Amino acid sequence: PEMYTLTLGLASTQTNFAQSEGLGFLMAQAVFAALPVLVLYAFFQRHIVAAVAGGKPA
């Protein structure tokens, strides 16, 4: 099996299996792709907001 990044794998799955698997499968993959970013944002939210605002994190 070839190794792809998550986004390339999702794009490949979308073009190859979208008709047979249905929309639910693609939506589950989208959630799976977004989950790491959301977890990191939740963990570092205070620091991100402080950096954007130009201050120091509390």
PDB file of N, CA and C in Angstrom:
ATOM      1  N   PRO A   1       0.828  -1.202   0.000  1.00  0.00           N
ATOM      2  CA  PRO A   1       0.000   0.000   0.000  1.00  0.00           C
ATOM      3  C   PRO A   1       0.862   1.252   0.000  1.00  0.00           C
ATOM      4  N   GLU A   2       0.389   2.239  -0.714  1.00  0.00           N
ATOM      5  CA  GLU A   2       1.106   3.503  -0.772  1.00  0.00           C
ATOM      6  C   GLU A   2       0.745   4.349   0.434  1.00  0.00           C
ATOM      7  N   MET A   3       1.698   5.166   0.860  1.00  0.00           N
ATOM      8  CA  MET A   3       1.478   6.040   2.008  1.00  0.00           C
ATOM      9  C   MET A   3       1.132   7.436   1.516  1.00  0.00           C
ATOM     10  N   TYR A   4      -0.013   7.951   1.959  1.00  0.00           N
ATOM     11  CA  TYR A   4      -0.461   9.287   1.599  1.00  0.00           C
ATOM     12  C   TYR A   4      -0.633  10.110   2.861  1.00  0.00           C
ATOM     13  N   THR A   5      -0.567  11.436   2.707  1.00  0.00           N
ATOM     14  CA  THR A   5      -0.978  12.283   3.817  1.00  0.00           C
ATOM     15  C   THR A   5      -2.490  12.161   3.938  1.00  0.00           C
ATOM     16  N   LEU A   6      -3.021  12.591   5.057  1.00  0.00           N
ATOM     17  CA  LEU A   6      -4.451  12.432   5.301  1.00  0.00           C
ATOM     18  C   LEU A   6      -5.289  13.148   4.255  1.00  0.00           C
ATOM     19  N   THR A   7      -4.902  14.360   3.894  1.00  0.00           N
ATOM     20  CA  THR A   7      -5.703  15.113   2.928  1.00  0.00           C
ATOM     21  C   THR A   7      -5.665  14.494   1.535  1.00  0.00           C
ATOM     22  N   LEU A   8      -4.519  13.975   1.116  1.00  0.00           N
ATOM     23  CA  LEU A   8      -4.455  13.308  -0.186  1.00  0.00           C
ATOM     24  C   LEU A   8      -5.259  12.014  -0.178  1.00  0.00           C
ATOM     25  N   GLY A   9      -5.217  11.306   0.920  1.00  0.00           N
ATOM     26  CA  GLY A   9      -6.022  10.097   1.032  1.00  0.00           C
ATOM     27  C   GLY A   9      -7.507  10.386   0.977  1.00  0.00           C
ATOM     28  N   LEU A  10      -7.932  11.469   1.622  1.00  0.00           N
ATOM     29  CA  LEU A  10      -9.342  11.853   1.578  1.00  0.00           C
ATOM     30  C   LEU A  10      -9.756  12.242   0.165  1.00  0.00           C
ATOM     31  N   ALA A  11      -8.913  12.983  -0.527  1.00  0.00           N
ATOM     32  CA  ALA A  11      -9.230  13.375  -1.902  1.00  0.00           C
ATOM     33  C   ALA A  11      -9.323  12.150  -2.800  1.00  0.00           C
ATOM     34  N   SER A  12      -8.435  11.198  -2.614  1.00  0.00           N
ATOM     35  CA  SER A  12      -8.472   9.971  -3.400  1.00  0.00           C
ATOM     36  C   SER A  12      -9.736   9.175  -3.107  1.00  0.00           C
ATOM     37  N   THR A  13     -10.088   9.080  -1.846  1.00  0.00           N
ATOM     38  CA  THR A  13     -11.301   8.361  -1.465  1.00  0.00           C
ATOM     39  C   THR A  13     -12.534   9.047  -2.030  1.00  0.00           C
ATOM     40  N   GLN A  14     -12.538  10.362  -2.008  1.00  0.00           N
ATOM     41  CA  GLN A  14     -13.694  11.107  -2.507  1.00  0.00           C
ATOM     42  C   GLN A  14     -13.899  10.848  -3.992  1.00  0.00           C
ATOM     43  N   THR A  15     -12.835  10.828  -4.757  1.00  0.00           N
ATOM     44  CA  THR A  15     -12.992  10.627  -6.195  1.00  0.00           C
ATOM     45  C   THR A  15     -13.272   9.172  -6.533  1.00  0.00           C
ATOM     46  N   ASN A  16     -12.739   8.237  -5.767  1.00  0.00           N
ATOM     47  CA  ASN A  16     -12.882   6.827  -6.109  1.00  0.00           C
ATOM     48  C   ASN A  16     -14.128   6.172  -5.530  1.00  0.00           C
ATOM     49  N   PHE A  17     -14.527   6.548  -4.316  1.00  0.00           N
ATOM     50  CA  PHE A  17     -15.572   5.811  -3.632  1.00  0.00           C
ATOM     51  C   PHE A  17     -16.788   6.645  -3.251  1.00  0.00           C
ATOM     52  N   ALA A  18     -16.868   7.873  -3.694  1.00  0.00           N
ATOM     53  CA  ALA A  18     -17.963   8.755  -3.274  1.00  0.00           C
ATOM     54  C   ALA A  18     -19.316   8.216  -3.705  1.00  0.00           C
ATOM     55  N   GLN A  19     -19.394   7.639  -4.870  1.00  0.00           N
ATOM     56  CA  GLN A  19     -20.675   7.142  -5.362  1.00  0.00           C
ATOM     57  C   GLN A  19     -21.108   5.885  -4.617  1.00  0.00           C
ATOM     58  N   SER A  20     -20.181   5.007  -4.294  1.00  0.00           N
ATOM     59  CA  SER A  20     -20.560   3.733  -3.678  1.00  0.00           C
ATOM     60  C   SER A  20     -20.710   3.818  -2.161  1.00  0.00           C
ATOM     61  N   GLU A  21     -19.913   4.622  -1.492  1.00  0.00           N
ATOM     62  CA  GLU A  21     -19.924   4.660  -0.032  1.00  0.00           C
ATOM     63  C   GLU A  21     -20.950   5.626   0.532  1.00  0.00           C
ATOM     64  N   GLY A  22     -21.260   6.676  -0.167  1.00  0.00           N
ATOM     65  CA  GLY A  22     -22.246   7.621   0.308  1.00  0.00           C
ATOM     66  C   GLY A  22     -21.627   8.800   1.037  1.00  0.00           C
ATOM     67  N   LEU A  23     -22.481   9.756   1.336  1.00  0.00           N
ATOM     68  CA  LEU A  23     -22.041  11.009   1.938  1.00  0.00           C
ATOM     69  C   LEU A  23     -21.616  10.842   3.399  1.00  0.00           C
ATOM     70  N   GLY A  24     -22.235   9.940   4.129  1.00  0.00           N
ATOM     71  CA  GLY A  24     -21.894   9.736   5.535  1.00  0.00           C
ATOM     72  C   GLY A  24     -20.442   9.329   5.734  1.00  0.00           C
ATOM     73  N   PHE A  25     -19.952   8.472   4.868  1.00  0.00           N
ATOM     74  CA  PHE A  25     -18.567   8.026   4.939  1.00  0.00           C
ATOM     75  C   PHE A  25     -17.613   9.193   4.717  1.00  0.00           C
ATOM     76  N   LEU A  26     -17.923  10.044   3.747  1.00  0.00           N
ATOM     77  CA  LEU A  26     -17.072  11.203   3.476  1.00  0.00           C
ATOM     78  C   LEU A  26     -17.109  12.202   4.621  1.00  0.00           C
ATOM     79  N   MET A  27     -18.262  12.386   5.236  1.00  0.00           N
ATOM     80  CA  MET A  27     -18.359  13.311   6.367  1.00  0.00           C
ATOM     81  C   MET A  27     -17.577  12.778   7.570  1.00  0.00           C
ATOM     82  N   ALA A  28     -17.607  11.476   7.782  1.00  0.00           N
ATOM     83  CA  ALA A  28     -16.823  10.883   8.864  1.00  0.00           C
ATOM     84  C   ALA A  28     -15.336  11.100   8.625  1.00  0.00           C
ATOM     85  N   GLN A  29     -14.906  10.992   7.392  1.00  0.00           N
ATOM     86  CA  GLN A  29     -13.506  11.243   7.074  1.00  0.00           C
ATOM     87  C   GLN A  29     -13.140  12.706   7.295  1.00  0.00           C
ATOM     88  N   ALA A  30     -14.042  13.613   6.974  1.00  0.00           N
ATOM     89  CA  ALA A  30     -13.772  15.039   7.179  1.00  0.00           C
ATOM     90  C   ALA A  30     -13.618  15.353   8.661  1.00  0.00           C
ATOM     91  N   VAL A  31     -14.457  14.753   9.495  1.00  0.00           N
ATOM     92  CA  VAL A  31     -14.338  14.946  10.944  1.00  0.00           C
ATOM     93  C   VAL A  31     -13.015  14.377  11.435  1.00  0.00           C
ATOM     94  N   PHE A  32     -12.658  13.212  10.936  1.00  0.00           N
ATOM     95  CA  PHE A  32     -11.395  12.586  11.317  1.00  0.00           C
ATOM     96  C   PHE A  32     -10.203  13.453  10.915  1.00  0.00           C
ATOM     97  N   ALA A  33     -10.300  14.127   9.770  1.00  0.00           N
ATOM     98  CA  ALA A  33      -9.208  14.990   9.308  1.00  0.00           C
ATOM     99  C   ALA A  33      -9.116  16.259  10.141  1.00  0.00           C
ATOM    100  N   ALA A  34     -10.250  16.799  10.584  1.00  0.00           N
ATOM    101  CA  ALA A  34     -10.258  18.060  11.324  1.00  0.00           C
ATOM    102  C   ALA A  34      -9.978  17.874  12.810  1.00  0.00           C
ATOM    103  N   LEU A  35     -10.151  16.693  13.324  1.00  0.00           N
ATOM    104  CA  LEU A  35     -10.030  16.442  14.758  1.00  0.00           C
ATOM    105  C   LEU A  35      -8.672  16.830  15.350  1.00  0.00           C
ATOM    106  N   PRO A  36      -7.540  16.481  14.749  1.00  0.00           N
ATOM    107  CA  PRO A  36      -6.259  16.884  15.350  1.00  0.00           C
ATOM    108  C   PRO A  36      -6.099  18.398  15.471  1.00  0.00           C
ATOM    109  N   VAL A  37      -6.551  19.139  14.473  1.00  0.00           N
ATOM    110  CA  VAL A  37      -6.456  20.598  14.520  1.00  0.00           C
ATOM    111  C   VAL A  37      -7.333  21.146  15.636  1.00  0.00           C
ATOM    112  N   LEU A  38      -8.537  20.616  15.777  1.00  0.00           N
ATOM    113  CA  LEU A  38      -9.446  21.084  16.819  1.00  0.00           C
ATOM    114  C   LEU A  38      -8.918  20.777  18.216  1.00  0.00           C
ATOM    115  N   VAL A  39      -8.308  19.621  18.383  1.00  0.00           N
ATOM    116  CA  VAL A  39      -7.744  19.257  19.683  1.00  0.00           C
ATOM    117  C   VAL A  39      -6.577  20.180  20.029  1.00  0.00           C
ATOM    118  N   LEU A  40      -5.708  20.441  19.067  1.00  0.00           N
ATOM    119  CA  LEU A  40      -4.591  21.354  19.325  1.00  0.00           C
ATOM    120  C   LEU A  40      -5.080  22.762  19.627  1.00  0.00           C
ATOM    121  N   TYR A  41      -6.094  23.219  18.907  1.00  0.00           N
ATOM    122  CA  TYR A  41      -6.628  24.550  19.179  1.00  0.00           C
ATOM    123  C   TYR A  41      -7.230  24.608  20.579  1.00  0.00           C
ATOM    124  N   ALA A  42      -7.964  23.590  20.971  1.00  0.00           N
ATOM    125  CA  ALA A  42      -8.567  23.585  22.303  1.00  0.00           C
ATOM    126  C   ALA A  42      -7.489  23.607  23.384  1.00  0.00           C
ATOM    127  N   PHE A  43      -6.392  22.914  23.141  1.00  0.00           N
ATOM    128  CA  PHE A  43      -5.321  22.845  24.127  1.00  0.00           C
ATOM    129  C   PHE A  43      -4.553  24.163  24.229  1.00  0.00           C
ATOM    130  N   PHE A  44      -4.318  24.826  23.087  1.00  0.00           N
ATOM    131  CA  PHE A  44      -3.516  26.043  23.053  1.00  0.00           C
ATOM    132  C   PHE A  44      -4.338  27.305  22.835  1.00  0.00           C
ATOM    133  N   GLN A  45      -5.632  27.254  23.040  1.00  0.00           N
ATOM    134  CA  GLN A  45      -6.516  28.374  22.746  1.00  0.00           C
ATOM    135  C   GLN A  45      -6.090  29.654  23.459  1.00  0.00           C
ATOM    136  N   ARG A  46      -5.783  29.544  24.721  1.00  0.00           N
ATOM    137  CA  ARG A  46      -5.401  30.729  25.494  1.00  0.00           C
ATOM    138  C   ARG A  46      -4.153  31.389  24.913  1.00  0.00           C
ATOM    139  N   HIS A  47      -3.180  30.585  24.514  1.00  0.00           N
ATOM    140  CA  HIS A  47      -1.939  31.114  23.953  1.00  0.00           C
ATOM    141  C   HIS A  47      -2.166  31.718  22.568  1.00  0.00           C
ATOM    142  N   ILE A  48      -3.004  31.081  21.773  1.00  0.00           N
ATOM    143  CA  ILE A  48      -3.290  31.585  20.431  1.00  0.00           C
ATOM    144  C   ILE A  48      -4.002  32.927  20.506  1.00  0.00           C
ATOM    145  N   VAL A  49      -5.007  33.023  21.354  1.00  0.00           N
ATOM    146  CA  VAL A  49      -5.759  34.269  21.488  1.00  0.00           C
ATOM    147  C   VAL A  49      -4.861  35.382  22.011  1.00  0.00           C
ATOM    148  N   ALA A  50      -3.997  35.071  22.968  1.00  0.00           N
ATOM    149  CA  ALA A  50      -3.090  36.080  23.507  1.00  0.00           C
ATOM    150  C   ALA A  50      -2.093  36.548  22.445  1.00  0.00           C
ATOM    151  N   ALA A  51      -1.616  35.644  21.627  1.00  0.00           N
ATOM    152  CA  ALA A  51      -0.668  36.024  20.580  1.00  0.00           C
ATOM    153  C   ALA A  51      -1.327  36.902  19.527  1.00  0.00           C
ATOM    154  N   VAL A  52      -2.555  36.593  19.180  1.00  0.00           N
ATOM    155  CA  VAL A  52      -3.266  37.404  18.195  1.00  0.00           C
ATOM    156  C   VAL A  52      -3.577  38.783  18.766  1.00  0.00           C
ATOM    157  N   ALA A  53      -3.913  38.832  20.053  1.00  0.00           N
ATOM    158  CA  ALA A  53      -4.243  40.105  20.697  1.00  0.00           C
ATOM    159  C   ALA A  53      -2.994  40.923  21.022  1.00  0.00           C
ATOM    160  N   GLY A  54      -1.822  40.315  20.958  1.00  0.00           N
ATOM    161  CA  GLY A  54      -0.586  41.040  21.202  1.00  0.00           C
ATOM    162  C   GLY A  54      -0.173  41.078  22.657  1.00  0.00           C
ATOM    163  N   GLY A  55      -0.735  40.223  23.476  1.00  0.00           N
ATOM    164  CA  GLY A  55      -0.389  40.201  24.892  1.00  0.00           C
ATOM    165  C   GLY A  55       0.280  38.902  25.279  1.00  0.00           C
ATOM    166  N   LYS A  56       0.425  38.723  26.583  1.00  0.00           N
ATOM    167  CA  LYS A  56       1.000  37.493  27.107  1.00  0.00           C
ATOM    168  C   LYS A  56      -0.124  36.604  27.617  1.00  0.00           C
ATOM    169  N   PRO A  57       0.026  35.275  27.499  1.00  0.00           N
ATOM    170  CA  PRO A  57      -1.019  34.382  28.016  1.00  0.00           C
ATOM    171  C   PRO A  57      -1.097  34.449  29.536  1.00  0.00           C
ATOM    172  N   ALA A  58      -2.298  34.340  30.033  1.00  0.00           N
ATOM    173  CA  ALA A  58      -2.518  34.425  31.486  1.00  0.00           C
ATOM    174  C   ALA A  58      -2.115  33.142  32.167  1.00  0.00           C
TER     175      ALA A  58
END
